Structures are given as C-alpha cells and as structure tokens.
C-alpha cells in the first residue's frame, strides 16, 4: 500500500471515528478502535524529512 493510500485510509478512519463519537454511537467504547486503526495506518516513516545534503 502506498503512503498516500495509507494516509487517505487513516483520514477516513479518523473521520468515521469523530462522526460516530459526536453522534453518540460509542458502541460500548468499540468506536475507539477506529482511532487506533487510524494511528496504525498513518505512514509514519514516509513523513520523515529527507536528510540535508552534505556540502562539498
């Protein structure tokens, strides 16, 4: 899965989590698994900046 696709999937999980939470459908706390899935899907390694080039 590409980093861009993972980012969109994570955003969809967070959006679903917030929507269900604000509408009061907590499902006994199970809705928080969407937040955990969103955190797991975020492409953390791709978000690191590239190292600065060395000057000669």
Protein backbone atom coordinates (compact mmCIF):
# COMPACT_ATOMS: atom_id res chain seq x y z
CA UNK A 1 0.00 0.00 0.00
CA UNK A 2 1.44 3.37 -0.96
CA UNK A 3 1.96 6.07 1.67
CA UNK A 4 -0.68 8.23 0.02
CA UNK A 5 -3.28 5.45 0.16
CA UNK A 6 -2.40 4.79 3.79
CA UNK A 7 -2.81 8.48 4.58
CA UNK A 8 -6.26 8.57 2.98
CA UNK A 9 -7.29 5.39 4.83
CA UNK A 10 -6.11 6.87 8.12
CA UNK A 11 -8.04 10.08 7.44
CA UNK A 12 -11.16 8.03 6.67
CA UNK A 13 -10.78 6.14 9.97
CA UNK A 14 -10.39 9.36 11.93
CA UNK A 15 -13.38 10.94 10.16
CA UNK A 16 -15.56 7.90 10.88
CA UNK A 17 -14.39 7.88 14.50
CA UNK A 18 -15.22 11.55 15.03
CA UNK A 19 -18.56 11.25 13.25
CA UNK A 20 -19.70 8.26 15.30
CA UNK A 21 -18.37 9.79 18.50
CA UNK A 22 -20.14 13.13 18.00
CA UNK A 23 -23.40 11.40 17.07
CA UNK A 24 -23.22 9.40 20.30
CA UNK A 25 -22.70 5.93 18.83
CA UNK A 26 -19.86 4.80 21.07
CA UNK A 27 -20.85 1.09 20.87
CA UNK A 28 -19.53 0.47 24.36
CA UNK A 29 -16.19 2.05 23.55
CA UNK A 30 -15.58 -0.07 20.45
CA UNK A 31 -15.67 3.06 18.29
CA UNK A 32 -12.24 3.93 19.66
CA UNK A 33 -10.82 1.03 17.65
CA UNK A 34 -11.27 3.28 14.61
CA UNK A 35 -8.92 5.81 16.18
CA UNK A 36 -6.40 3.06 16.87
CA UNK A 37 -6.70 1.82 13.28
CA UNK A 38 -6.17 5.36 12.04
CA UNK A 39 -2.99 5.69 14.07
CA UNK A 40 -1.77 2.32 12.80
CA UNK A 41 -2.38 3.33 9.18
CA UNK A 42 -0.56 6.68 9.26
CA UNK A 43 2.61 6.35 7.15
CA UNK A 44 4.99 7.47 9.91
CA UNK A 45 8.18 6.55 8.06
CA UNK A 46 7.16 8.45 4.93
CA UNK A 47 6.54 11.60 6.96
CA UNK A 48 10.20 11.92 7.97
CA UNK A 49 12.06 14.60 6.12
CA UNK A 50 14.96 13.74 3.91
CA UNK A 51 18.41 14.34 5.37
CA UNK A 52 20.07 17.58 4.43
CA UNK A 53 22.55 17.26 1.57
CA UNK A 54 26.18 17.48 2.52
CA UNK A 55 28.12 20.41 1.15
CA UNK A 56 31.44 19.68 -0.55
